[in-house]
Amino acid sequence: MYITLTKKRISVILFAAVLLFILVGQFFSVKANEIDASTNLKRVQFINTLGITLKSDDYKEKTVTIPQQFGAVYSNYNALQRKAGFDLLGYRGKQVKIYTYNIDGETVVNLMVYKDRLIGGDIASLKIDGQMTALKESKNGDRTV
């Protein structure tokens, strides 16, 4: 039995293959920007998934604009974001909210939120010689939530 492949059949097969690829990718991947950060409770719950217990769920909020062109500081910060499965390149020129939660008086968690979705963040020491780390590093850049 032979099947004749016409242009129409090839187009249908290719379309079905692409659609299947997209659906399988969506089903098996959790993207960083799928993390709902629309409320204080949801942000605190996310922080708890990192193994962090806050003294209080109080926070400071500020709005910043991610620059169109990344200088050294933003390039380095985005490299940190990519360790946790985030990438700020798609948010250049956008206004985002940063929610800052105090962990222990010397360390804070910063969450970057755009349209109620978590797009990045860090854990930072408030000491002069303090360090900044990714929210949660992964081996391949994917978020596991």
N, C-alpha and C. Protein backbone atom coordinates (compact mmCIF):
# COMPACT_ATOMS: atom_id res chain seq x y z
N MET A 1 0.85 -1.18 0.00
CA MET A 1 0.00 0.00 0.00
C MET A 1 0.89 1.24 0.00
N TYR A 2 0.61 2.10 -0.90
CA TYR A 2 1.38 3.34 -1.03
C TYR A 2 0.50 4.53 -0.70
N ILE A 3 1.11 5.52 -0.05
CA ILE A 3 0.42 6.77 0.24
C ILE A 3 1.10 7.85 -0.57
N THR A 4 0.30 8.53 -1.34
CA THR A 4 0.83 9.61 -2.15
C THR A 4 0.85 10.88 -1.30
N LEU A 5 2.02 11.48 -1.20
CA LEU A 5 2.15 12.71 -0.43
C LEU A 5 1.97 13.91 -1.35
N THR A 6 0.86 14.57 -1.16
CA THR A 6 0.61 15.79 -1.91
C THR A 6 1.07 16.97 -1.06
N LYS A 7 1.13 18.13 -1.67
CA LYS A 7 1.52 19.33 -0.92
C LYS A 7 0.55 19.57 0.24
N LYS A 8 -0.71 19.30 0.02
CA LYS A 8 -1.71 19.52 1.06
C LYS A 8 -1.48 18.56 2.23
N ARG A 9 -1.22 17.29 1.96
CA ARG A 9 -0.98 16.31 3.02
C ARG A 9 0.30 16.64 3.79
N ILE A 10 1.33 17.04 3.09
CA ILE A 10 2.58 17.42 3.75
C ILE A 10 2.34 18.62 4.66
N SER A 11 1.58 19.59 4.21
CA SER A 11 1.27 20.78 5.02
C SER A 11 0.51 20.39 6.28
N VAL A 12 -0.46 19.50 6.13
CA VAL A 12 -1.26 19.06 7.27
C VAL A 12 -0.38 18.30 8.27
N ILE A 13 0.50 17.43 7.78
CA ILE A 13 1.39 16.66 8.66
C ILE A 13 2.34 17.60 9.40
N LEU A 14 2.93 18.56 8.70
CA LEU A 14 3.83 19.51 9.34
C LEU A 14 3.11 20.36 10.38
N PHE A 15 1.92 20.82 10.05
CA PHE A 15 1.14 21.62 10.99
C PHE A 15 0.83 20.80 12.24
N ALA A 16 0.42 19.55 12.08
CA ALA A 16 0.10 18.69 13.22
C ALA A 16 1.35 18.44 14.06
N ALA A 17 2.50 18.23 13.42
CA ALA A 17 3.74 18.00 14.16
C ALA A 17 4.13 19.22 14.97
N VAL A 18 4.03 20.40 14.39
CA VAL A 18 4.37 21.64 15.11
C VAL A 18 3.41 21.84 16.27
N LEU A 19 2.13 21.64 16.05
CA LEU A 19 1.13 21.79 17.10
C LEU A 19 1.40 20.80 18.24
N LEU A 20 1.71 19.57 17.91
CA LEU A 20 2.01 18.57 18.92
C LEU A 20 3.26 18.96 19.72
N PHE A 21 4.28 19.44 19.04
CA PHE A 21 5.51 19.88 19.69
C PHE A 21 5.22 21.00 20.69
N ILE A 22 4.42 21.96 20.29
CA ILE A 22 4.07 23.09 21.17
C ILE A 22 3.29 22.61 22.37
N LEU A 23 2.30 21.75 22.16
CA LEU A 23 1.48 21.26 23.27
C LEU A 23 2.29 20.43 24.26
N VAL A 24 3.16 19.57 23.77
CA VAL A 24 3.99 18.76 24.65
C VAL A 24 4.94 19.66 25.44
N GLY A 25 5.51 20.66 24.79
CA GLY A 25 6.40 21.59 25.47
C GLY A 25 5.69 22.36 26.57
N GLN A 26 4.47 22.79 26.31
CA GLN A 26 3.70 23.52 27.31
C GLN A 26 3.33 22.61 28.48
N PHE A 27 3.04 21.36 28.20
CA PHE A 27 2.62 20.45 29.25
C PHE A 27 3.76 20.10 30.20
N PHE A 28 4.96 19.91 29.67
CA PHE A 28 6.07 19.44 30.48
C PHE A 28 6.98 20.54 31.02
N SER A 29 6.76 21.78 30.66
CA SER A 29 7.65 22.82 31.17
C SER A 29 6.87 23.80 32.03
N VAL A 30 7.50 24.20 33.13
CA VAL A 30 6.96 25.26 33.97
C VAL A 30 7.87 26.45 33.77
N LYS A 31 7.36 27.47 33.16
CA LYS A 31 8.17 28.65 32.91
C LYS A 31 8.15 29.56 34.12
N ALA A 32 9.22 30.28 34.29
CA ALA A 32 9.33 31.18 35.44
C ALA A 32 8.19 32.18 35.47
N ASN A 33 7.80 32.70 34.31
CA ASN A 33 6.77 33.73 34.31
C ASN A 33 5.38 33.17 34.52
N GLU A 34 5.25 31.89 34.81
CA GLU A 34 3.96 31.31 35.15
C GLU A 34 3.72 31.32 36.65
N ILE A 35 4.66 31.84 37.42
CA ILE A 35 4.50 31.89 38.87
C ILE A 35 3.65 33.11 39.22
N ASP A 36 2.49 32.84 39.79
CA ASP A 36 1.55 33.90 40.16
C ASP A 36 2.08 34.65 41.38
N ALA A 37 2.28 35.94 41.22
CA ALA A 37 2.75 36.79 42.31
C ALA A 37 1.80 37.96 42.52
N SER A 38 0.53 37.72 42.27
CA SER A 38 -0.46 38.81 42.28
C SER A 38 -0.83 39.30 43.67
N THR A 39 -0.62 38.49 44.70
CA THR A 39 -0.98 38.91 46.05
C THR A 39 0.19 38.70 46.99
N ASN A 40 0.13 39.35 48.12
CA ASN A 40 1.17 39.18 49.13
C ASN A 40 1.23 37.73 49.59
N LEU A 41 0.09 37.10 49.79
CA LEU A 41 0.05 35.72 50.23
C LEU A 41 0.76 34.80 49.23
N LYS A 42 0.53 34.99 47.94
CA LYS A 42 1.16 34.15 46.92
C LYS A 42 2.66 34.39 46.85
N ARG A 43 3.08 35.63 47.05
CA ARG A 43 4.52 35.92 47.05
C ARG A 43 5.19 35.28 48.26
N VAL A 44 4.56 35.38 49.43
CA VAL A 44 5.11 34.77 50.65
C VAL A 44 5.15 33.25 50.50
N GLN A 45 4.11 32.66 49.92
CA GLN A 45 4.11 31.22 49.70
C GLN A 45 5.26 30.80 48.78
N PHE A 46 5.53 31.60 47.74
CA PHE A 46 6.66 31.30 46.86
C PHE A 46 7.97 31.37 47.64
N ILE A 47 8.14 32.39 48.45
CA ILE A 47 9.36 32.52 49.26
C ILE A 47 9.52 31.30 50.17
N ASN A 48 8.41 30.83 50.72
CA ASN A 48 8.47 29.64 51.58
C ASN A 48 8.94 28.41 50.79
N THR A 49 8.61 28.31 49.50
CA THR A 49 9.06 27.17 48.69
C THR A 49 10.58 27.18 48.52
N LEU A 50 11.20 28.34 48.75
CA LEU A 50 12.65 28.43 48.67
C LEU A 50 13.33 27.99 49.96
N GLY A 51 12.51 27.62 50.95
CA GLY A 51 13.07 27.22 52.24
C GLY A 51 13.34 28.39 53.14
N ILE A 52 12.76 29.54 52.83
CA ILE A 52 12.97 30.76 53.61
C ILE A 52 11.74 31.03 54.46
N THR A 53 11.98 31.28 55.74
CA THR A 53 10.90 31.68 56.64
C THR A 53 11.09 33.14 56.98
N LEU A 54 10.10 33.94 56.69
CA LEU A 54 10.16 35.37 56.96
C LEU A 54 9.73 35.65 58.39
N LYS A 55 10.35 36.67 58.99
CA LYS A 55 9.93 37.11 60.32
C LYS A 55 8.52 37.71 60.25
N SER A 56 8.25 38.36 59.13
CA SER A 56 6.98 39.05 58.94
C SER A 56 6.67 39.05 57.45
N ASP A 57 5.40 39.13 57.11
CA ASP A 57 5.06 39.19 55.69
C ASP A 57 4.93 40.64 55.21
N ASP A 58 5.45 41.59 56.02
CA ASP A 58 5.50 42.98 55.60
C ASP A 58 6.50 43.11 54.45
N TYR A 59 6.27 44.07 53.59
CA TYR A 59 7.17 44.26 52.45
C TYR A 59 7.22 45.72 52.06
N LYS A 60 8.27 46.05 51.31
CA LYS A 60 8.38 47.36 50.69
C LYS A 60 8.18 47.15 49.20
N GLU A 61 7.53 48.11 48.57
CA GLU A 61 7.25 48.01 47.14
C GLU A 61 7.77 49.24 46.42
N LYS A 62 8.40 49.00 45.27
CA LYS A 62 8.81 50.12 44.44
C LYS A 62 8.65 49.71 42.97
N THR A 63 8.53 50.71 42.13
CA THR A 63 8.41 50.48 40.69
C THR A 63 9.69 50.95 40.01
N VAL A 64 10.23 50.11 39.15
CA VAL A 64 11.43 50.46 38.40
C VAL A 64 11.18 50.15 36.93
N THR A 65 11.95 50.80 36.08
CA THR A 65 11.90 50.51 34.65
C THR A 65 13.18 49.76 34.28
N ILE A 66 13.02 48.60 33.70
CA ILE A 66 14.18 47.84 33.25
C ILE A 66 14.70 48.55 32.00
N PRO A 67 15.99 48.86 31.97
CA PRO A 67 16.51 49.65 30.85
C PRO A 67 16.45 48.90 29.51
N GLN A 68 16.33 49.68 28.43
CA GLN A 68 16.33 49.11 27.09
C GLN A 68 17.67 48.45 26.78
N GLN A 69 18.73 49.15 27.12
CA GLN A 69 20.08 48.64 26.88
C GLN A 69 20.68 48.25 28.23
N PHE A 70 21.19 47.04 28.32
CA PHE A 70 21.80 46.58 29.56
C PHE A 70 23.27 46.99 29.59
N GLY A 71 23.64 47.71 30.66
CA GLY A 71 25.04 47.98 30.92
C GLY A 71 25.62 46.81 31.69
N ALA A 72 26.79 46.99 32.25
CA ALA A 72 27.47 45.91 32.98
C ALA A 72 26.65 45.43 34.18
N VAL A 73 26.04 46.38 34.92
CA VAL A 73 25.30 46.01 36.12
C VAL A 73 24.10 45.13 35.76
N TYR A 74 23.29 45.56 34.80
CA TYR A 74 22.12 44.77 34.43
C TYR A 74 22.51 43.48 33.71
N SER A 75 23.58 43.48 32.96
CA SER A 75 24.04 42.24 32.32
C SER A 75 24.43 41.22 33.37
N ASN A 76 25.16 41.66 34.40
CA ASN A 76 25.53 40.76 35.50
C ASN A 76 24.31 40.31 36.28
N TYR A 77 23.37 41.23 36.51
CA TYR A 77 22.16 40.87 37.25
C TYR A 77 21.33 39.87 36.45
N ASN A 78 21.25 40.05 35.14
CA ASN A 78 20.49 39.12 34.32
C ASN A 78 21.16 37.75 34.28
N ALA A 79 22.48 37.71 34.34
CA ALA A 79 23.18 36.42 34.43
C ALA A 79 22.77 35.69 35.71
N LEU A 80 22.61 36.43 36.79
CA LEU A 80 22.14 35.86 38.05
C LEU A 80 20.71 35.33 37.88
N GLN A 81 19.87 36.10 37.18
CA GLN A 81 18.49 35.68 36.96
C GLN A 81 18.42 34.38 36.16
N ARG A 82 19.28 34.28 35.17
CA ARG A 82 19.27 33.10 34.30
C ARG A 82 19.65 31.84 35.07
N LYS A 83 20.44 31.98 36.14
CA LYS A 83 20.77 30.83 36.98
C LYS A 83 19.52 30.25 37.62
N ALA A 84 18.51 31.09 37.83
CA ALA A 84 17.27 30.65 38.46
C ALA A 84 16.16 30.39 37.44
N GLY A 85 16.49 30.45 36.15
CA GLY A 85 15.48 30.18 35.13
C GLY A 85 14.71 31.39 34.68
N PHE A 86 15.14 32.57 35.08
CA PHE A 86 14.50 33.81 34.64
C PHE A 86 15.36 34.46 33.56
N ASP A 87 14.78 35.43 32.86
CA ASP A 87 15.55 36.21 31.87
C ASP A 87 14.85 37.54 31.71
N LEU A 88 15.55 38.61 32.00
CA LEU A 88 14.96 39.95 31.95
C LEU A 88 15.00 40.58 30.56
N LEU A 89 15.65 39.95 29.60
CA LEU A 89 15.77 40.54 28.27
C LEU A 89 14.41 40.87 27.65
N GLY A 90 13.43 40.05 27.87
CA GLY A 90 12.10 40.28 27.31
C GLY A 90 11.33 41.40 28.00
N TYR A 91 11.88 41.94 29.06
CA TYR A 91 11.19 42.99 29.83
C TYR A 91 11.89 44.34 29.72
N ARG A 92 12.82 44.46 28.78
CA ARG A 92 13.51 45.74 28.59
C ARG A 92 12.50 46.83 28.26
N GLY A 93 12.65 47.96 28.95
CA GLY A 93 11.75 49.09 28.74
C GLY A 93 10.44 49.00 29.51
N LYS A 94 10.21 47.91 30.21
CA LYS A 94 8.96 47.70 30.96
C LYS A 94 9.11 48.17 32.40
N GLN A 95 8.00 48.66 32.94
CA GLN A 95 7.97 49.00 34.36
C GLN A 95 7.58 47.76 35.14
N VAL A 96 8.37 47.43 36.15
CA VAL A 96 8.10 46.26 36.98
C VAL A 96 8.07 46.69 38.44
N LYS A 97 7.39 45.89 39.25
CA LYS A 97 7.36 46.15 40.68
C LYS A 97 8.37 45.24 41.36
N ILE A 98 9.05 45.80 42.34
CA ILE A 98 9.97 45.02 43.15
C ILE A 98 9.42 45.01 44.58
N TYR A 99 9.17 43.80 45.07
CA TYR A 99 8.69 43.60 46.44
C TYR A 99 9.88 43.10 47.25
N THR A 100 10.17 43.80 48.34
CA THR A 100 11.31 43.45 49.19
C THR A 100 10.80 42.98 50.54
N TYR A 101 11.22 41.76 50.90
CA TYR A 101 10.84 41.14 52.17
C TYR A 101 12.09 40.96 53.02
N ASN A 102 11.99 41.32 54.30
CA ASN A 102 13.12 41.20 55.22
C ASN A 102 13.13 39.79 55.79
N ILE A 103 14.27 39.12 55.69
CA ILE A 103 14.38 37.76 56.23
C ILE A 103 14.79 37.79 57.70
N ASP A 104 15.92 38.46 57.99
CA ASP A 104 16.45 38.40 59.35
C ASP A 104 17.08 39.71 59.82
N GLY A 105 16.80 40.79 59.15
CA GLY A 105 17.41 42.07 59.51
C GLY A 105 18.69 42.33 58.75
N GLU A 106 19.34 41.28 58.27
CA GLU A 106 20.58 41.42 57.51
C GLU A 106 20.46 40.92 56.08
N THR A 107 19.36 40.26 55.78
CA THR A 107 19.16 39.67 54.45
C THR A 107 17.73 39.94 53.99
N VAL A 108 17.58 40.21 52.69
CA VAL A 108 16.26 40.45 52.12
C VAL A 108 16.05 39.57 50.89
N VAL A 109 14.79 39.39 50.57
CA VAL A 109 14.40 38.72 49.33
C VAL A 109 13.71 39.78 48.48
N ASN A 110 14.18 39.95 47.25
CA ASN A 110 13.57 40.87 46.30
C ASN A 110 12.87 40.05 45.22
N LEU A 111 11.60 40.35 44.97
CA LEU A 111 10.85 39.68 43.92
C LEU A 111 10.46 40.70 42.86
N MET A 112 10.79 40.43 41.61
CA MET A 112 10.43 41.31 40.50
C MET A 112 9.16 40.77 39.85
N VAL A 113 8.16 41.63 39.72
CA VAL A 113 6.85 41.20 39.23
C VAL A 113 6.41 42.09 38.08
N TYR A 114 5.95 41.45 37.02
CA TYR A 114 5.40 42.16 35.87
C TYR A 114 4.05 41.53 35.54
N LYS A 115 3.02 42.36 35.53
CA LYS A 115 1.65 41.89 35.26
C LYS A 115 1.30 40.68 36.12
N ASP A 116 1.56 40.80 37.41
CA ASP A 116 1.22 39.79 38.42
C ASP A 116 1.99 38.48 38.28
N ARG A 117 3.04 38.45 37.47
CA ARG A 117 3.85 37.25 37.28
C ARG A 117 5.28 37.52 37.75
N LEU A 118 5.86 36.54 38.45
CA LEU A 118 7.23 36.65 38.91
C LEU A 118 8.16 36.54 37.72
N ILE A 119 9.02 37.55 37.54
CA ILE A 119 9.94 37.52 36.40
C ILE A 119 11.40 37.49 36.83
N GLY A 120 11.66 37.58 38.14
CA GLY A 120 13.03 37.56 38.63
C GLY A 120 13.09 37.91 40.09
N GLY A 121 14.30 37.98 40.58
CA GLY A 121 14.49 38.35 41.97
C GLY A 121 15.83 37.88 42.47
N ASP A 122 16.07 38.12 43.76
CA ASP A 122 17.35 37.76 44.35
C ASP A 122 17.22 37.69 45.85
N ILE A 123 18.24 37.12 46.46
CA ILE A 123 18.40 37.12 47.91
C ILE A 123 19.68 37.91 48.16
N ALA A 124 19.56 38.99 48.93
CA ALA A 124 20.70 39.91 49.07
C ALA A 124 21.00 40.21 50.53
N SER A 125 22.28 40.24 50.84
CA SER A 125 22.75 40.65 52.14
C SER A 125 22.77 42.17 52.19
N LEU A 126 22.40 42.73 53.33
CA LEU A 126 22.42 44.18 53.49
C LEU A 126 23.77 44.69 54.01
N LYS A 127 24.68 43.78 54.28
CA LYS A 127 26.01 44.16 54.75
C LYS A 127 26.78 44.85 53.63
N ILE A 128 27.72 45.70 53.99
CA ILE A 128 28.52 46.42 52.99
C ILE A 128 29.22 45.46 52.05
N ASP A 129 29.78 44.37 52.60
CA ASP A 129 30.48 43.40 51.76
C ASP A 129 29.59 42.18 51.46
N GLY A 130 28.27 42.38 51.54
CA GLY A 130 27.33 41.28 51.37
C GLY A 130 27.24 40.77 49.94
N GLN A 131 26.64 39.61 49.81
CA GLN A 131 26.50 38.97 48.52
C GLN A 131 25.05 38.96 48.06
N MET A 132 24.87 38.74 46.78
CA MET A 132 23.56 38.59 46.19
C MET A 132 23.54 37.23 45.49
N THR A 133 22.48 36.46 45.72
CA THR A 133 22.37 35.15 45.10
C THR A 133 21.05 35.03 44.35
N ALA A 134 21.00 34.05 43.47
CA ALA A 134 19.78 33.78 42.72
C ALA A 134 18.71 33.22 43.66
N LEU A 135 17.46 33.40 43.27
CA LEU A 135 16.38 32.87 44.10
C LEU A 135 16.53 31.37 44.29
N LYS A 136 16.78 30.67 43.20
CA LYS A 136 16.97 29.22 43.27
C LYS A 136 17.72 28.80 42.03
N GLU A 137 18.94 28.38 42.21
CA GLU A 137 19.75 28.00 41.06
C GLU A 137 19.34 26.62 40.56
N SER A 138 19.41 26.47 39.25
CA SER A 138 19.14 25.17 38.66
C SER A 138 20.28 24.81 37.72
N LYS A 139 20.45 23.54 37.47
CA LYS A 139 21.56 23.08 36.66
C LYS A 139 21.42 23.46 35.20
N ASN A 140 20.17 23.46 34.70
CA ASN A 140 19.98 23.71 33.27
C ASN A 140 19.21 25.00 33.00
N GLY A 141 18.98 25.82 34.02
CA GLY A 141 18.29 27.09 33.80
C GLY A 141 16.78 26.99 33.88
N ASP A 142 16.24 25.79 34.12
CA ASP A 142 14.79 25.64 34.22
C ASP A 142 14.36 25.82 35.66
N ARG A 143 13.21 26.41 35.86
CA ARG A 143 12.65 26.55 37.21
C ARG A 143 11.97 25.26 37.57
N THR A 144 12.12 24.84 38.78
CA THR A 144 11.37 23.72 39.30
C THR A 144 10.58 24.22 40.48
N VAL A 145 9.29 24.30 40.31
CA VAL A 145 8.44 24.84 41.36
C VAL A 145 7.43 23.79 41.76
